[in-house]
Amino acid sequence: MKVRTNPDGELIPPPRYDIKEHAKQYFWKAASPTAIGIAGATGAISLSIRNEVLPGSTTQNYWDRIQTNLVRNGVLQATEFTASAFLQQDETFHRSMKTGLGPRMGSALYRTFVVPGRDGDELAMPRIAAAITTPWILKTYHPGLAQPQDPWPQIGWLVARYVAQSYWTEFKPDIEAGFRKAFHLPKH
């Protein structure tokens, strides 16, 4: 974490953890229209990749997958929120402000597992705890499937999800700018 100083050279302490703001972010991540849309999209993708029920019941399987995705996201967000509140650790992804592709990619990967803390960088334990515990909590919850899913691949997917969120935060402005330029769209 960078040391911040005021114009007189005095140290400025990092902002205090704000539970109220964190709770707003938690509810948005867990139950927003975006979260529901992502659950529907990933349900459709997973159904097209791996159909685990008999033909003729794919509609039910699709709704089961949406339900499972919503529950998984809810448990993931609840676990991360609880651990973050306990540790008073802000798990928000931030851009690095570095230049060059390599340093930015390295920073995005680093910031997946390490967050700025009160006394310097801290291990992102809430993310790690959420990625590891969520599949084990949901192991017996498997609507539409004949048997429980193996938690280990799910842990890998959840860690990959955090990596993707970090990279998206880092490169989203560049991607949007390139998209606007390619399609001659005005800046907003």
C-alpha atoms as a PDB file:
ATOM      1  CA  MET A   1       0.000   0.000   0.000  1.00  0.00           C
ATOM      2  CA  LYS A   2       1.312   3.447  -0.861  1.00  0.00           C
ATOM      3  CA  VAL A   3       2.018   5.831   1.972  1.00  0.00           C
ATOM      4  CA  ARG A   4      -0.197   8.872   1.628  1.00  0.00           C
ATOM      5  CA  THR A   5       0.817  12.289   2.888  1.00  0.00           C
ATOM      6  CA  ASN A   6      -0.876  15.667   3.009  1.00  0.00           C
ATOM      7  CA  PRO A   7       0.761  18.851   1.587  1.00  0.00           C
ATOM      8  CA  ASP A   8       2.608  19.371   4.901  1.00  0.00           C
ATOM      9  CA  GLY A   9       4.209  15.928   4.645  1.00  0.00           C
ATOM     10  CA  GLU A  10       2.141  14.392   7.464  1.00  0.00           C
ATOM     11  CA  LEU A  11       1.014  10.809   7.048  1.00  0.00           C
ATOM     12  CA  ILE A  12      -2.642  10.314   6.142  1.00  0.00           C
ATOM     13  CA  PRO A  13      -4.031   7.102   7.614  1.00  0.00           C
ATOM     14  CA  PRO A  14      -5.856   4.739   5.239  1.00  0.00           C
ATOM     15  CA  PRO A  15      -9.635   5.093   5.250  1.00  0.00           C
ATOM     16  CA  ARG A  16     -11.416   3.100   7.930  1.00  0.00           C
ATOM     17  CA  TYR A  17     -13.406   0.037   7.009  1.00  0.00           C
ATOM     18  CA  ASP A  18     -17.023   1.028   6.269  1.00  0.00           C
ATOM     19  CA  ILE A  19     -19.415  -1.825   7.117  1.00  0.00           C
ATOM     20  CA  LYS A  20     -22.415   0.082   5.768  1.00  0.00           C
ATOM     21  CA  GLU A  21     -20.858   0.562   2.330  1.00  0.00           C
ATOM     22  CA  HIS A  22     -19.598  -3.012   2.363  1.00  0.00           C
ATOM     23  CA  ALA A  23     -23.110  -4.304   3.141  1.00  0.00           C
ATOM     24  CA  LYS A  24     -24.496  -2.362   0.150  1.00  0.00           C
ATOM     25  CA  GLN A  25     -21.860  -3.959  -2.102  1.00  0.00           C
ATOM     26  CA  TYR A  26     -22.653  -7.388  -0.670  1.00  0.00           C
ATOM     27  CA  PHE A  27     -26.381  -7.110  -1.388  1.00  0.00           C
ATOM     28  CA  TRP A  28     -25.665  -5.828  -4.904  1.00  0.00           C
ATOM     29  CA  LYS A  29     -23.280  -8.705  -5.671  1.00  0.00           C
ATOM     30  CA  ALA A  30     -25.638 -11.299  -4.193  1.00  0.00           C
ATOM     31  CA  ALA A  31     -29.062 -10.228  -5.488  1.00  0.00           C
ATOM     32  CA  SER A  32     -28.777  -7.586  -8.201  1.00  0.00           C
ATOM     33  CA  PRO A  33     -30.250  -7.978 -11.682  1.00  0.00           C
ATOM     34  CA  THR A  34     -26.663  -8.468 -12.864  1.00  0.00           C
ATOM     35  CA  ALA A  35     -26.169 -11.406 -10.471  1.00  0.00           C
ATOM     36  CA  ILE A  36     -29.418 -12.974 -11.640  1.00  0.00           C
ATOM     37  CA  GLY A  37     -28.493 -12.425 -15.299  1.00  0.00           C
ATOM     38  CA  ILE A  38     -25.081 -13.991 -14.791  1.00  0.00           C
ATOM     39  CA  ALA A  39     -26.725 -16.996 -13.098  1.00  0.00           C
ATOM     40  CA  GLY A  40     -29.014 -17.410 -16.126  1.00  0.00           C
ATOM     41  CA  ALA A  41     -26.189 -17.030 -18.630  1.00  0.00           C
ATOM     42  CA  THR A  42     -23.882 -19.465 -16.850  1.00  0.00           C
ATOM     43  CA  GLY A  43     -26.801 -21.891 -16.492  1.00  0.00           C
ATOM     44  CA  ALA A  44     -27.311 -21.827 -20.254  1.00  0.00           C
ATOM     45  CA  ILE A  45     -23.599 -22.189 -20.954  1.00  0.00           C
ATOM     46  CA  SER A  46     -23.161 -25.095 -18.555  1.00  0.00           C
ATOM     47  CA  LEU A  47     -26.267 -26.784 -19.961  1.00  0.00           C
ATOM     48  CA  SER A  48     -24.898 -26.529 -23.487  1.00  0.00           C
ATOM     49  CA  ILE A  49     -21.479 -27.840 -22.441  1.00  0.00           C
ATOM     50  CA  ARG A  50     -22.524 -30.687 -20.174  1.00  0.00           C
ATOM     51  CA  ASN A  51     -26.069 -31.959 -20.019  1.00  0.00           C
ATOM     52  CA  GLU A  52     -26.407 -34.348 -17.087  1.00  0.00           C
ATOM     53  CA  VAL A  53     -30.083 -35.308 -17.283  1.00  0.00           C
ATOM     54  CA  LEU A  54     -32.178 -37.332 -19.664  1.00  0.00           C
ATOM     55  CA  PRO A  55     -33.392 -35.681 -22.879  1.00  0.00           C
ATOM     56  CA  GLY A  56     -36.822 -34.167 -22.479  1.00  0.00           C
ATOM     57  CA  SER A  57     -36.127 -32.615 -19.099  1.00  0.00           C
ATOM     58  CA  THR A  58     -33.596 -29.978 -20.176  1.00  0.00           C
ATOM     59  CA  THR A  59     -35.920 -27.098 -19.251  1.00  0.00           C
ATOM     60  CA  GLN A  60     -36.088 -28.333 -15.674  1.00  0.00           C
ATOM     61  CA  ASN A  61     -32.325 -28.848 -15.727  1.00  0.00           C
ATOM     62  CA  TYR A  62     -31.861 -25.241 -16.889  1.00  0.00           C
ATOM     63  CA  TRP A  63     -33.934 -23.896 -13.970  1.00  0.00           C
ATOM     64  CA  ASP A  64     -32.044 -26.191 -11.598  1.00  0.00           C
ATOM     65  CA  ARG A  65     -28.772 -24.744 -12.861  1.00  0.00           C
ATOM     66  CA  ILE A  66     -29.991 -21.168 -12.417  1.00  0.00           C
ATOM     67  CA  GLN A  67     -31.121 -22.021  -8.903  1.00  0.00           C
ATOM     68  CA  THR A  68     -27.787 -23.684  -8.129  1.00  0.00           C
ATOM     69  CA  ASN A  69     -25.854 -20.710  -9.545  1.00  0.00           C
ATOM     70  CA  LEU A  70     -27.884 -18.234  -7.467  1.00  0.00           C
ATOM     71  CA  VAL A  71     -27.391 -20.262  -4.295  1.00  0.00           C
ATOM     72  CA  ARG A  72     -23.666 -20.701  -5.028  1.00  0.00           C
ATOM     73  CA  ASN A  73     -23.245 -16.963  -5.609  1.00  0.00           C
ATOM     74  CA  GLY A  74     -25.220 -16.184  -2.447  1.00  0.00           C
ATOM     75  CA  VAL A  75     -23.083 -18.512  -0.309  1.00  0.00           C
ATOM     76  CA  LEU A  76     -19.884 -17.190  -1.924  1.00  0.00           C
ATOM     77  CA  GLN A  77     -20.859 -13.564  -1.300  1.00  0.00           C
ATOM     78  CA  ALA A  78     -22.064 -14.280   2.257  1.00  0.00           C
ATOM     79  CA  THR A  79     -18.829 -16.082   3.129  1.00  0.00           C
ATOM     80  CA  GLU A  80     -16.678 -13.329   1.631  1.00  0.00           C
ATOM     81  CA  PHE A  81     -18.750 -10.586   3.314  1.00  0.00           C
ATOM     82  CA  THR A  82     -18.626 -12.262   6.736  1.00  0.00           C
ATOM     83  CA  ALA A  83     -14.871 -12.857   6.596  1.00  0.00           C
ATOM     84  CA  SER A  84     -14.266  -9.329   5.255  1.00  0.00           C
ATOM     85  CA  ALA A  85     -16.342  -7.784   8.032  1.00  0.00           C
ATOM     86  CA  PHE A  86     -14.563  -9.873  10.670  1.00  0.00           C
ATOM     87  CA  LEU A  87     -11.117  -8.910   9.331  1.00  0.00           C
ATOM     88  CA  GLN A  88     -12.254  -5.382   8.341  1.00  0.00           C
ATOM     89  CA  GLN A  89     -10.671  -5.977   4.953  1.00  0.00           C
ATOM     90  CA  ASP A  90     -11.889  -4.254   1.794  1.00  0.00           C
ATOM     91  CA  GLU A  91     -12.095  -6.849  -0.994  1.00  0.00           C
ATOM     92  CA  THR A  92     -12.879  -4.347  -3.764  1.00  0.00           C
ATOM     93  CA  PHE A  93     -10.770  -4.753  -6.896  1.00  0.00           C
ATOM     94  CA  HIS A  94      -8.883  -1.620  -7.973  1.00  0.00           C
ATOM     95  CA  ARG A  95      -6.855  -0.709 -11.039  1.00  0.00           C
ATOM     96  CA  SER A  96      -3.091  -0.615 -10.587  1.00  0.00           C
ATOM     97  CA  MET A  97      -2.403   2.584 -12.557  1.00  0.00           C
ATOM     98  CA  LYS A  98       0.755   0.914 -13.889  1.00  0.00           C
ATOM     99  CA  THR A  99       1.787   1.188 -17.516  1.00  0.00           C
ATOM    100  CA  GLY A 100       2.705  -1.633 -19.841  1.00  0.00           C
ATOM    101  CA  LEU A 101       0.908  -4.905 -20.391  1.00  0.00           C
ATOM    102  CA  GLY A 102       3.251  -7.104 -18.348  1.00  0.00           C
ATOM    103  CA  PRO A 103       3.268  -5.001 -15.176  1.00  0.00           C
ATOM    104  CA  ARG A 104      -0.501  -4.534 -15.353  1.00  0.00           C
ATOM    105  CA  MET A 105      -1.123  -8.271 -15.832  1.00  0.00           C
ATOM    106  CA  GLY A 106       1.216  -9.071 -12.955  1.00  0.00           C
ATOM    107  CA  SER A 107      -0.489  -6.518 -10.743  1.00  0.00           C
ATOM    108  CA  ALA A 108      -3.957  -7.858 -11.591  1.00  0.00           C
ATOM    109  CA  LEU A 109      -2.894 -11.394 -10.702  1.00  0.00           C
ATOM    110  CA  TYR A 110      -1.215 -10.196  -7.503  1.00  0.00           C
ATOM    111  CA  ARG A 111      -4.292  -8.182  -6.482  1.00  0.00           C
ATOM    112  CA  THR A 112      -6.442 -11.296  -6.862  1.00  0.00           C
ATOM    113  CA  PHE A 113      -4.807 -12.780  -3.771  1.00  0.00           C
ATOM    114  CA  VAL A 114      -3.451  -9.702  -1.964  1.00  0.00           C
ATOM    115  CA  VAL A 115      -5.369  -6.573  -0.967  1.00  0.00           C
ATOM    116  CA  PRO A 116      -4.259  -3.251   0.510  1.00  0.00           C
ATOM    117  CA  GLY A 117      -4.583  -3.437   4.272  1.00  0.00           C
ATOM    118  CA  ARG A 118      -4.221  -1.136   7.230  1.00  0.00           C
ATOM    119  CA  ASP A 119      -0.532  -1.905   7.695  1.00  0.00           C
ATOM    120  CA  GLY A 120       0.424  -2.773   4.120  1.00  0.00           C
ATOM    121  CA  ASP A 121      -0.570  -5.572   1.805  1.00  0.00           C
ATOM    122  CA  GLU A 122      -2.580  -8.415   3.319  1.00  0.00           C
ATOM    123  CA  LEU A 123      -3.543 -11.833   2.037  1.00  0.00           C
ATOM    124  CA  ALA A 124      -7.114 -11.732   0.657  1.00  0.00           C
ATOM    125  CA  MET A 125      -8.335 -14.326   3.145  1.00  0.00           C
ATOM    126  CA  PRO A 126     -12.052 -13.599   2.588  1.00  0.00           C
ATOM    127  CA  ARG A 127     -11.729 -14.430  -1.128  1.00  0.00           C
ATOM    128  CA  ILE A 128      -9.676 -17.528  -0.429  1.00  0.00           C
ATOM    129  CA  ALA A 129     -12.088 -18.683   2.291  1.00  0.00           C
ATOM    130  CA  ALA A 130     -15.108 -18.075   0.055  1.00  0.00           C
ATOM    131  CA  ALA A 131     -13.572 -19.957  -2.898  1.00  0.00           C
ATOM    132  CA  ILE A 132     -12.611 -22.954  -0.766  1.00  0.00           C
ATOM    133  CA  THR A 133     -15.635 -23.267   1.523  1.00  0.00           C
ATOM    134  CA  THR A 134     -18.480 -22.549  -0.907  1.00  0.00           C
ATOM    135  CA  PRO A 135     -18.188 -25.830  -2.892  1.00  0.00           C
ATOM    136  CA  TRP A 136     -17.907 -27.840   0.328  1.00  0.00           C
ATOM    137  CA  ILE A 137     -20.962 -26.128   1.816  1.00  0.00           C
ATOM    138  CA  LEU A 138     -22.950 -26.830  -1.361  1.00  0.00           C
ATOM    139  CA  LYS A 139     -21.662 -30.363  -1.872  1.00  0.00           C
ATOM    140  CA  THR A 140     -24.965 -31.914  -0.800  1.00  0.00           C
ATOM    141  CA  TYR A 141     -27.036 -29.293  -2.633  1.00  0.00           C
ATOM    142  CA  HIS A 142     -27.373 -30.597  -6.195  1.00  0.00           C
ATOM    143  CA  PRO A 143     -30.854 -30.222  -7.745  1.00  0.00           C
ATOM    144  CA  GLY A 144     -31.229 -31.921 -11.096  1.00  0.00           C
ATOM    145  CA  LEU A 145     -28.075 -33.989 -10.721  1.00  0.00           C
ATOM    146  CA  ALA A 146     -27.879 -37.677  -9.913  1.00  0.00           C
ATOM    147  CA  GLN A 147     -24.949 -37.226  -7.519  1.00  0.00           C
ATOM    148  CA  PRO A 148     -23.097 -34.402  -5.739  1.00  0.00           C
ATOM    149  CA  GLN A 149     -20.529 -32.447  -7.707  1.00  0.00           C
ATOM    150  CA  ASP A 150     -16.827 -32.761  -6.899  1.00  0.00           C
ATOM    151  CA  PRO A 151     -15.850 -29.607  -4.930  1.00  0.00           C
ATOM    152  CA  TRP A 152     -12.264 -29.381  -6.238  1.00  0.00           C
ATOM    153  CA  PRO A 153     -13.071 -28.292  -9.813  1.00  0.00           C
ATOM    154  CA  GLN A 154     -15.572 -25.804  -8.393  1.00  0.00           C
ATOM    155  CA  ILE A 155     -12.844 -24.327  -6.190  1.00  0.00           C
ATOM    156  CA  GLY A 156     -10.738 -23.876  -9.322  1.00  0.00           C
ATOM    157  CA  TRP A 157     -13.613 -22.156 -11.127  1.00  0.00           C
ATOM    158  CA  LEU A 158     -14.255 -19.817  -8.199  1.00  0.00           C
ATOM    159  CA  VAL A 159     -10.576 -18.860  -8.002  1.00  0.00           C
ATOM    160  CA  ALA A 160     -10.622 -18.315 -11.782  1.00  0.00           C
ATOM    161  CA  ARG A 161     -13.690 -16.113 -11.294  1.00  0.00           C
ATOM    162  CA  TYR A 162     -11.743 -13.903  -8.878  1.00  0.00           C
ATOM    163  CA  VAL A 163      -8.788 -13.762 -11.288  1.00  0.00           C
ATOM    164  CA  ALA A 164     -11.145 -12.750 -14.117  1.00  0.00           C
ATOM    165  CA  GLN A 165     -12.729 -10.033 -11.948  1.00  0.00           C
ATOM    166  CA  SER A 166      -9.293  -8.622 -11.159  1.00  0.00           C
ATOM    167  CA  TYR A 167      -8.233  -8.619 -14.825  1.00  0.00           C
ATOM    168  CA  TRP A 168     -11.573  -7.104 -15.863  1.00  0.00           C
ATOM    169  CA  THR A 169     -11.129  -4.283 -13.344  1.00  0.00           C
ATOM    170  CA  GLU A 170      -7.612  -3.638 -14.640  1.00  0.00           C
ATOM    171  CA  PHE A 171      -8.382  -3.719 -18.370  1.00  0.00           C
ATOM    172  CA  LYS A 172     -12.063  -2.702 -18.636  1.00  0.00           C
ATOM    173  CA  PRO A 173     -11.348   0.974 -19.507  1.00  0.00           C
ATOM    174  CA  ASP A 174      -8.947  -0.086 -22.269  1.00  0.00           C
ATOM    175  CA  ILE A 175     -11.395  -2.628 -23.678  1.00  0.00           C
ATOM    176  CA  GLU A 176     -14.244  -0.098 -23.649  1.00  0.00           C
ATOM    177  CA  ALA A 177     -12.059   2.548 -25.305  1.00  0.00           C
ATOM    178  CA  GLY A 178     -10.971   0.086 -28.003  1.00  0.00           C
ATOM    179  CA  PHE A 179     -14.568  -0.959 -28.587  1.00  0.00           C
ATOM    180  CA  ARG A 180     -15.707   2.692 -28.916  1.00  0.00           C
ATOM    181  CA  LYS A 181     -12.840   3.422 -31.287  1.00  0.00           C
ATOM    182  CA  ALA A 182     -13.457   0.323 -33.440  1.00  0.00           C
ATOM    183  CA  PHE A 183     -17.151   1.084 -33.806  1.00  0.00           C
ATOM    184  CA  HIS A 184     -16.830   4.893 -33.862  1.00  0.00           C
ATOM    185  CA  LEU A 185     -18.988   5.329 -30.766  1.00  0.00           C
ATOM    186  CA  PRO A 186     -18.941   8.564 -28.754  1.00  0.00           C
ATOM    187  CA  LYS A 187     -17.457   8.673 -25.255  1.00  0.00           C
ATOM    188  CA  HIS A 188     -19.979   8.960 -22.489  1.00  0.00           C
END
